[in-house]
Amino acid sequence: MQTGVIEQAAPLLKLDDAHNLNAEIFVPAARQAEESDRVLQAIKLYNLAGEYTTVINSLAIALGTTLATPGGGGERARSLEAAALDIIRHYERVGRAPVRARDAVVKLLRIREALDAKADGRVDRALEVGVHSTNQYTC
């Protein structure tokens, strides 16, 4: 496996292996980003740390929050939704998508799609989106 600059510098930080690097650097930085409401940065850091279930769970929580926000969360929510689609697609390809958490993210993305269709006056499309199961959702 090819290592990056951070991994190569781990001995300078007196971190013996990737597990220590993740536990001492990436996970605390991800938590701090999450606490500072920088969800996309937190997700990237959790991904670097190999915390794939945490990535999906964080996406689900953030998507749920944007759906509950009046006005849908604006541009920030759209960036999050685009990232969620990319991450779900990638995790499915490499087998990292925990089924229950993945289904939650997919359902939240479908809800957003239905709400957008309704807001655009395409009620028929909103109903169509709402009746499909998550298995028919193509990321």
N, C-alpha and C. Protein backbone atom coordinates (compact mmCIF):
# COMPACT_ATOMS: atom_id res chain seq x y z
N MET A 1 0.84 -1.17 0.00
CA MET A 1 0.00 0.00 0.00
C MET A 1 0.88 1.24 0.00
N GLN A 2 0.54 2.19 -0.84
CA GLN A 2 1.30 3.42 -0.95
C GLN A 2 0.91 4.36 0.19
N THR A 3 1.89 4.96 0.82
CA THR A 3 1.62 5.86 1.93
C THR A 3 1.75 7.31 1.46
N GLY A 4 1.07 8.18 2.19
CA GLY A 4 1.12 9.60 1.89
C GLY A 4 2.14 10.31 2.74
N VAL A 5 2.23 11.59 2.56
CA VAL A 5 3.20 12.41 3.27
C VAL A 5 2.96 12.35 4.78
N ILE A 6 1.70 12.41 5.18
CA ILE A 6 1.39 12.38 6.61
C ILE A 6 1.84 11.06 7.22
N GLU A 7 1.53 9.96 6.55
CA GLU A 7 1.92 8.65 7.07
C GLU A 7 3.44 8.51 7.13
N GLN A 8 4.13 9.07 6.15
CA GLN A 8 5.59 9.00 6.14
C GLN A 8 6.19 9.83 7.28
N ALA A 9 5.48 10.89 7.69
CA ALA A 9 5.98 11.74 8.76
C ALA A 9 5.57 11.24 10.14
N ALA A 10 4.81 10.18 10.21
CA ALA A 10 4.33 9.65 11.50
C ALA A 10 5.45 9.39 12.49
N PRO A 11 6.59 8.84 12.08
CA PRO A 11 7.67 8.63 13.05
C PRO A 11 8.17 9.93 13.70
N LEU A 12 8.11 11.03 12.96
CA LEU A 12 8.51 12.32 13.54
C LEU A 12 7.58 12.73 14.67
N LEU A 13 6.35 12.29 14.59
CA LEU A 13 5.35 12.59 15.62
C LEU A 13 5.34 11.51 16.71
N LYS A 14 6.27 10.58 16.59
CA LYS A 14 6.37 9.45 17.52
C LYS A 14 5.10 8.60 17.51
N LEU A 15 4.57 8.41 16.31
CA LEU A 15 3.42 7.54 16.10
C LEU A 15 3.91 6.33 15.31
N ASP A 16 3.78 5.15 15.91
CA ASP A 16 4.39 3.96 15.35
C ASP A 16 3.68 3.39 14.13
N ASP A 17 2.37 3.49 14.10
CA ASP A 17 1.65 2.85 13.01
C ASP A 17 0.43 3.67 12.62
N ALA A 18 -0.27 3.20 11.60
CA ALA A 18 -1.44 3.91 11.09
C ALA A 18 -2.55 4.01 12.14
N HIS A 19 -2.68 2.98 12.95
CA HIS A 19 -3.72 3.00 13.99
C HIS A 19 -3.48 4.16 14.96
N ASN A 20 -2.25 4.32 15.40
CA ASN A 20 -1.92 5.42 16.31
C ASN A 20 -2.10 6.77 15.62
N LEU A 21 -1.71 6.85 14.36
CA LEU A 21 -1.89 8.08 13.59
C LEU A 21 -3.36 8.45 13.53
N ASN A 22 -4.19 7.46 13.23
CA ASN A 22 -5.64 7.70 13.15
C ASN A 22 -6.19 8.14 14.50
N ALA A 23 -5.83 7.40 15.55
CA ALA A 23 -6.37 7.66 16.89
C ALA A 23 -5.89 9.00 17.46
N GLU A 24 -4.66 9.39 17.15
CA GLU A 24 -4.08 10.58 17.75
C GLU A 24 -4.25 11.85 16.90
N ILE A 25 -4.41 11.67 15.59
CA ILE A 25 -4.46 12.85 14.72
C ILE A 25 -5.82 12.99 14.02
N PHE A 26 -6.17 12.01 13.20
CA PHE A 26 -7.34 12.14 12.33
C PHE A 26 -8.67 12.15 13.09
N VAL A 27 -8.86 11.21 14.00
CA VAL A 27 -10.15 11.12 14.71
C VAL A 27 -10.38 12.35 15.60
N PRO A 28 -9.39 12.79 16.40
CA PRO A 28 -9.63 14.02 17.18
C PRO A 28 -9.88 15.24 16.29
N ALA A 29 -9.16 15.33 15.18
CA ALA A 29 -9.39 16.46 14.26
C ALA A 29 -10.79 16.39 13.66
N ALA A 30 -11.24 15.18 13.35
CA ALA A 30 -12.59 15.00 12.81
C ALA A 30 -13.64 15.40 13.84
N ARG A 31 -13.44 15.00 15.08
CA ARG A 31 -14.39 15.37 16.14
C ARG A 31 -14.44 16.88 16.32
N GLN A 32 -13.28 17.50 16.29
CA GLN A 32 -13.23 18.95 16.44
C GLN A 32 -13.94 19.63 15.26
N ALA A 33 -13.73 19.14 14.07
CA ALA A 33 -14.41 19.70 12.89
C ALA A 33 -15.92 19.53 13.02
N GLU A 34 -16.34 18.36 13.49
CA GLU A 34 -17.76 18.08 13.68
C GLU A 34 -18.36 19.04 14.72
N GLU A 35 -17.66 19.24 15.81
CA GLU A 35 -18.13 20.13 16.87
C GLU A 35 -18.18 21.58 16.40
N SER A 36 -17.36 21.92 15.43
CA SER A 36 -17.34 23.27 14.87
C SER A 36 -18.29 23.40 13.69
N ASP A 37 -19.12 22.39 13.49
CA ASP A 37 -20.12 22.37 12.41
C ASP A 37 -19.48 22.42 11.03
N ARG A 38 -18.33 21.79 10.89
CA ARG A 38 -17.67 21.65 9.58
C ARG A 38 -17.77 20.18 9.18
N VAL A 39 -18.99 19.81 8.81
CA VAL A 39 -19.34 18.41 8.60
C VAL A 39 -18.54 17.78 7.47
N LEU A 40 -18.42 18.46 6.35
CA LEU A 40 -17.69 17.87 5.22
C LEU A 40 -16.23 17.61 5.56
N GLN A 41 -15.60 18.53 6.28
CA GLN A 41 -14.21 18.32 6.70
C GLN A 41 -14.13 17.14 7.67
N ALA A 42 -15.08 17.06 8.58
CA ALA A 42 -15.10 15.95 9.54
C ALA A 42 -15.23 14.63 8.80
N ILE A 43 -16.10 14.58 7.83
CA ILE A 43 -16.31 13.35 7.06
C ILE A 43 -15.04 12.93 6.33
N LYS A 44 -14.35 13.89 5.75
CA LYS A 44 -13.09 13.58 5.06
C LYS A 44 -12.05 13.03 6.03
N LEU A 45 -11.98 13.62 7.22
CA LEU A 45 -11.01 13.16 8.22
C LEU A 45 -11.37 11.77 8.73
N TYR A 46 -12.65 11.52 8.99
CA TYR A 46 -13.07 10.18 9.41
C TYR A 46 -12.75 9.16 8.32
N ASN A 47 -12.92 9.55 7.08
CA ASN A 47 -12.60 8.64 5.98
C ASN A 47 -11.11 8.33 5.96
N LEU A 48 -10.27 9.35 6.14
CA LEU A 48 -8.81 9.13 6.20
C LEU A 48 -8.44 8.19 7.35
N ALA A 49 -9.20 8.29 8.44
CA ALA A 49 -8.92 7.44 9.61
C ALA A 49 -9.47 6.03 9.44
N GLY A 50 -10.18 5.78 8.35
CA GLY A 50 -10.75 4.45 8.13
C GLY A 50 -12.02 4.21 8.92
N GLU A 51 -12.63 5.26 9.42
CA GLU A 51 -13.86 5.17 10.21
C GLU A 51 -15.07 5.27 9.27
N TYR A 52 -15.25 4.23 8.43
CA TYR A 52 -16.24 4.28 7.35
C TYR A 52 -17.67 4.31 7.87
N THR A 53 -17.95 3.58 8.93
CA THR A 53 -19.29 3.59 9.50
C THR A 53 -19.59 4.98 10.07
N THR A 54 -18.61 5.60 10.69
CA THR A 54 -18.79 6.95 11.23
C THR A 54 -19.04 7.94 10.10
N VAL A 55 -18.39 7.76 8.97
CA VAL A 55 -18.62 8.63 7.81
C VAL A 55 -20.08 8.58 7.41
N ILE A 56 -20.60 7.36 7.23
CA ILE A 56 -21.99 7.19 6.79
C ILE A 56 -22.95 7.71 7.86
N ASN A 57 -22.68 7.42 9.12
CA ASN A 57 -23.55 7.91 10.19
C ASN A 57 -23.54 9.44 10.26
N SER A 58 -22.38 10.05 10.10
CA SER A 58 -22.29 11.51 10.10
C SER A 58 -23.06 12.11 8.93
N LEU A 59 -22.96 11.45 7.78
CA LEU A 59 -23.74 11.91 6.62
C LEU A 59 -25.23 11.86 6.91
N ALA A 60 -25.68 10.76 7.49
CA ALA A 60 -27.11 10.60 7.79
C ALA A 60 -27.58 11.70 8.74
N ILE A 61 -26.82 11.96 9.79
CA ILE A 61 -27.19 12.99 10.75
C ILE A 61 -27.23 14.36 10.08
N ALA A 62 -26.20 14.67 9.31
CA ALA A 62 -26.13 15.98 8.65
C ALA A 62 -27.25 16.15 7.62
N LEU A 63 -27.54 15.10 6.87
CA LEU A 63 -28.64 15.18 5.89
C LEU A 63 -29.97 15.37 6.59
N GLY A 64 -30.18 14.65 7.68
CA GLY A 64 -31.41 14.81 8.45
C GLY A 64 -31.57 16.22 8.97
N THR A 65 -30.47 16.80 9.41
CA THR A 65 -30.48 18.17 9.91
C THR A 65 -30.84 19.15 8.80
N THR A 66 -30.28 18.96 7.61
CA THR A 66 -30.59 19.88 6.51
C THR A 66 -32.04 19.75 6.08
N LEU A 67 -32.58 18.55 6.14
CA LEU A 67 -33.99 18.38 5.77
C LEU A 67 -34.90 19.10 6.76
N ALA A 68 -34.50 19.17 8.01
CA ALA A 68 -35.30 19.81 9.05
C ALA A 68 -35.13 21.33 9.07
N THR A 69 -34.13 21.83 8.36
CA THR A 69 -33.85 23.26 8.34
C THR A 69 -34.83 23.97 7.42
N PRO A 70 -35.46 25.03 7.92
CA PRO A 70 -36.35 25.81 7.03
C PRO A 70 -35.57 26.29 5.81
N GLY A 71 -36.15 26.09 4.65
CA GLY A 71 -35.48 26.48 3.41
C GLY A 71 -34.53 25.42 2.89
N GLY A 72 -34.39 24.32 3.60
CA GLY A 72 -33.60 23.20 3.10
C GLY A 72 -32.10 23.30 3.28
N GLY A 73 -31.59 24.36 3.91
CA GLY A 73 -30.17 24.42 4.18
C GLY A 73 -29.33 25.11 3.12
N GLY A 74 -29.93 25.51 2.02
CA GLY A 74 -29.23 26.28 0.99
C GLY A 74 -28.09 25.55 0.31
N GLU A 75 -27.10 26.33 -0.09
CA GLU A 75 -25.96 25.80 -0.86
C GLU A 75 -25.14 24.79 -0.06
N ARG A 76 -25.03 25.03 1.22
CA ARG A 76 -24.29 24.10 2.09
C ARG A 76 -24.92 22.71 2.06
N ALA A 77 -26.26 22.67 2.10
CA ALA A 77 -26.97 21.40 2.04
C ALA A 77 -26.76 20.71 0.70
N ARG A 78 -26.73 21.49 -0.36
CA ARG A 78 -26.51 20.92 -1.71
C ARG A 78 -25.11 20.31 -1.81
N SER A 79 -24.14 20.97 -1.23
CA SER A 79 -22.77 20.43 -1.23
C SER A 79 -22.72 19.12 -0.45
N LEU A 80 -23.42 19.10 0.67
CA LEU A 80 -23.47 17.89 1.50
C LEU A 80 -24.15 16.75 0.75
N GLU A 81 -25.25 17.05 0.07
CA GLU A 81 -25.97 16.02 -0.69
C GLU A 81 -25.12 15.46 -1.82
N ALA A 82 -24.40 16.34 -2.52
CA ALA A 82 -23.51 15.89 -3.60
C ALA A 82 -22.40 15.00 -3.03
N ALA A 83 -21.83 15.41 -1.91
CA ALA A 83 -20.78 14.60 -1.27
C ALA A 83 -21.35 13.26 -0.83
N ALA A 84 -22.55 13.27 -0.27
CA ALA A 84 -23.18 12.02 0.18
C ALA A 84 -23.36 11.05 -0.99
N LEU A 85 -23.82 11.54 -2.12
CA LEU A 85 -23.97 10.68 -3.29
C LEU A 85 -22.63 10.09 -3.72
N ASP A 86 -21.61 10.94 -3.79
CA ASP A 86 -20.27 10.47 -4.19
C ASP A 86 -19.74 9.42 -3.22
N ILE A 87 -19.90 9.68 -1.93
CA ILE A 87 -19.38 8.76 -0.92
C ILE A 87 -20.12 7.43 -0.96
N ILE A 88 -21.45 7.49 -1.05
CA ILE A 88 -22.24 6.24 -1.12
C ILE A 88 -21.83 5.43 -2.35
N ARG A 89 -21.70 6.09 -3.48
CA ARG A 89 -21.28 5.38 -4.71
C ARG A 89 -19.92 4.71 -4.51
N HIS A 90 -18.98 5.49 -3.99
CA HIS A 90 -17.62 4.96 -3.80
C HIS A 90 -17.61 3.80 -2.80
N TYR A 91 -18.29 3.97 -1.67
CA TYR A 91 -18.31 2.93 -0.65
C TYR A 91 -18.98 1.66 -1.16
N GLU A 92 -19.99 1.80 -2.01
CA GLU A 92 -20.62 0.62 -2.58
C GLU A 92 -19.65 -0.12 -3.50
N ARG A 93 -18.89 0.64 -4.29
CA ARG A 93 -17.92 0.02 -5.21
C ARG A 93 -16.85 -0.75 -4.45
N VAL A 94 -16.41 -0.21 -3.33
CA VAL A 94 -15.32 -0.85 -2.59
C VAL A 94 -15.79 -1.69 -1.42
N GLY A 95 -17.11 -1.80 -1.24
CA GLY A 95 -17.67 -2.66 -0.20
C GLY A 95 -17.56 -2.11 1.21
N ARG A 96 -17.64 -0.79 1.35
CA ARG A 96 -17.51 -0.18 2.67
C ARG A 96 -18.83 0.40 3.19
N ALA A 97 -19.90 0.20 2.48
CA ALA A 97 -21.17 0.82 2.87
C ALA A 97 -21.95 -0.09 3.81
N PRO A 98 -21.98 0.21 5.12
CA PRO A 98 -22.81 -0.57 6.03
C PRO A 98 -24.26 -0.43 5.60
N VAL A 99 -24.97 -1.55 5.48
CA VAL A 99 -26.28 -1.56 4.84
C VAL A 99 -27.29 -0.64 5.52
N ARG A 100 -27.45 -0.74 6.82
CA ARG A 100 -28.46 0.07 7.50
C ARG A 100 -28.17 1.56 7.38
N ALA A 101 -26.94 1.94 7.61
CA ALA A 101 -26.58 3.36 7.52
C ALA A 101 -26.70 3.85 6.09
N ARG A 102 -26.29 3.03 5.14
CA ARG A 102 -26.40 3.39 3.73
C ARG A 102 -27.85 3.61 3.36
N ASP A 103 -28.73 2.72 3.80
CA ASP A 103 -30.15 2.86 3.51
C ASP A 103 -30.71 4.15 4.08
N ALA A 104 -30.26 4.53 5.26
CA ALA A 104 -30.72 5.79 5.87
C ALA A 104 -30.31 6.98 5.01
N VAL A 105 -29.07 6.99 4.55
CA VAL A 105 -28.58 8.08 3.71
C VAL A 105 -29.36 8.12 2.40
N VAL A 106 -29.58 6.97 1.80
CA VAL A 106 -30.32 6.91 0.54
C VAL A 106 -31.75 7.41 0.73
N LYS A 107 -32.40 7.01 1.81
CA LYS A 107 -33.77 7.48 2.06
C LYS A 107 -33.80 8.99 2.25
N LEU A 108 -32.84 9.54 2.95
CA LEU A 108 -32.77 10.99 3.15
C LEU A 108 -32.54 11.72 1.82
N LEU A 109 -31.71 11.16 0.97
CA LEU A 109 -31.49 11.77 -0.35
C LEU A 109 -32.77 11.70 -1.19
N ARG A 110 -33.52 10.62 -1.06
CA ARG A 110 -34.79 10.49 -1.80
C ARG A 110 -35.82 11.48 -1.27
N ILE A 111 -35.83 11.70 0.03
CA ILE A 111 -36.75 12.69 0.60
C ILE A 111 -36.42 14.07 0.04
N ARG A 112 -35.13 14.40 -0.01
CA ARG A 112 -34.71 15.69 -0.57
C ARG A 112 -35.17 15.80 -2.02
N GLU A 113 -34.99 14.74 -2.78
CA GLU A 113 -35.40 14.74 -4.18
C GLU A 113 -36.91 14.98 -4.31
N ALA A 114 -37.69 14.35 -3.46
CA ALA A 114 -39.14 14.52 -3.48
C ALA A 114 -39.52 15.95 -3.07
N LEU A 115 -38.87 16.49 -2.05
CA LEU A 115 -39.15 17.86 -1.62
C LEU A 115 -38.81 18.87 -2.71
N ASP A 116 -37.69 18.65 -3.39
CA ASP A 116 -37.31 19.54 -4.48
C ASP A 116 -38.32 19.48 -5.62
N ALA A 117 -38.76 18.27 -5.96
CA ALA A 117 -39.76 18.12 -7.02
C ALA A 117 -41.06 18.83 -6.64
N LYS A 118 -41.47 18.67 -5.40
CA LYS A 118 -42.69 19.34 -4.92
C LYS A 118 -42.54 20.86 -4.99
N ALA A 119 -41.39 21.37 -4.56
CA ALA A 119 -41.14 22.81 -4.59
C ALA A 119 -41.15 23.36 -6.01
N ASP A 120 -40.75 22.53 -6.97
CA ASP A 120 -40.74 22.93 -8.38
C ASP A 120 -42.10 22.75 -9.03
N GLY A 121 -43.09 22.32 -8.25
CA GLY A 121 -44.43 22.13 -8.79
C GLY A 121 -44.63 20.81 -9.52
N ARG A 122 -43.67 19.90 -9.38
CA ARG A 122 -43.78 18.59 -10.03
C ARG A 122 -44.25 17.56 -9.01
N VAL A 123 -45.50 17.70 -8.59
CA VAL A 123 -46.07 16.85 -7.55
C VAL A 123 -46.06 15.38 -7.98
N ASP A 124 -46.34 15.14 -9.28
CA ASP A 124 -46.32 13.75 -9.76
C ASP A 124 -44.94 13.13 -9.58
N ARG A 125 -43.89 13.88 -9.85
CA ARG A 125 -42.52 13.39 -9.65
C ARG A 125 -42.22 13.18 -8.17
N ALA A 126 -42.71 14.09 -7.33
CA ALA A 126 -42.50 13.96 -5.89
C ALA A 126 -43.14 12.69 -5.37
N LEU A 127 -44.34 12.38 -5.83
CA LEU A 127 -45.01 11.16 -5.41
C LEU A 127 -44.30 9.92 -5.95
N GLU A 128 -43.82 10.03 -7.17
CA GLU A 128 -43.09 8.92 -7.79
C GLU A 128 -41.82 8.59 -7.00
N VAL A 129 -41.09 9.63 -6.62
CA VAL A 129 -39.87 9.46 -5.82
C VAL A 129 -40.21 8.83 -4.49
N GLY A 130 -41.31 9.27 -3.88
CA GLY A 130 -41.70 8.80 -2.56
C GLY A 130 -42.10 7.34 -2.50
N VAL A 131 -42.61 6.78 -3.59
CA VAL A 131 -43.11 5.40 -3.54
C VAL A 131 -42.05 4.36 -3.89
N HIS A 132 -40.92 4.77 -4.45
CA HIS A 132 -39.88 3.80 -4.79
C HIS A 132 -39.13 3.34 -3.55
N SER A 133 -38.75 2.10 -3.55
CA SER A 133 -37.97 1.58 -2.42
C SER A 133 -36.51 1.98 -2.58
N THR A 134 -35.75 1.86 -1.50
CA THR A 134 -34.33 2.21 -1.55
C THR A 134 -33.56 1.27 -2.48
N ASN A 135 -34.08 0.08 -2.69
CA ASN A 135 -33.38 -0.85 -3.57
C ASN A 135 -33.41 -0.39 -5.02
N GLN A 136 -34.40 0.46 -5.35
CA GLN A 136 -34.50 0.94 -6.71
C GLN A 136 -33.72 2.23 -6.91
N TYR A 137 -33.16 2.76 -5.86
CA TYR A 137 -32.41 3.99 -5.95
C TYR A 137 -31.06 3.70 -6.55
N THR A 138 -30.74 4.41 -7.60
CA THR A 138 -29.44 4.21 -8.21
C THR A 138 -28.55 5.39 -7.88
N CYS A 139 -27.51 5.11 -7.18
CA CYS A 139 -26.56 6.17 -6.81
C CYS A 139 -25.63 6.41 -7.95
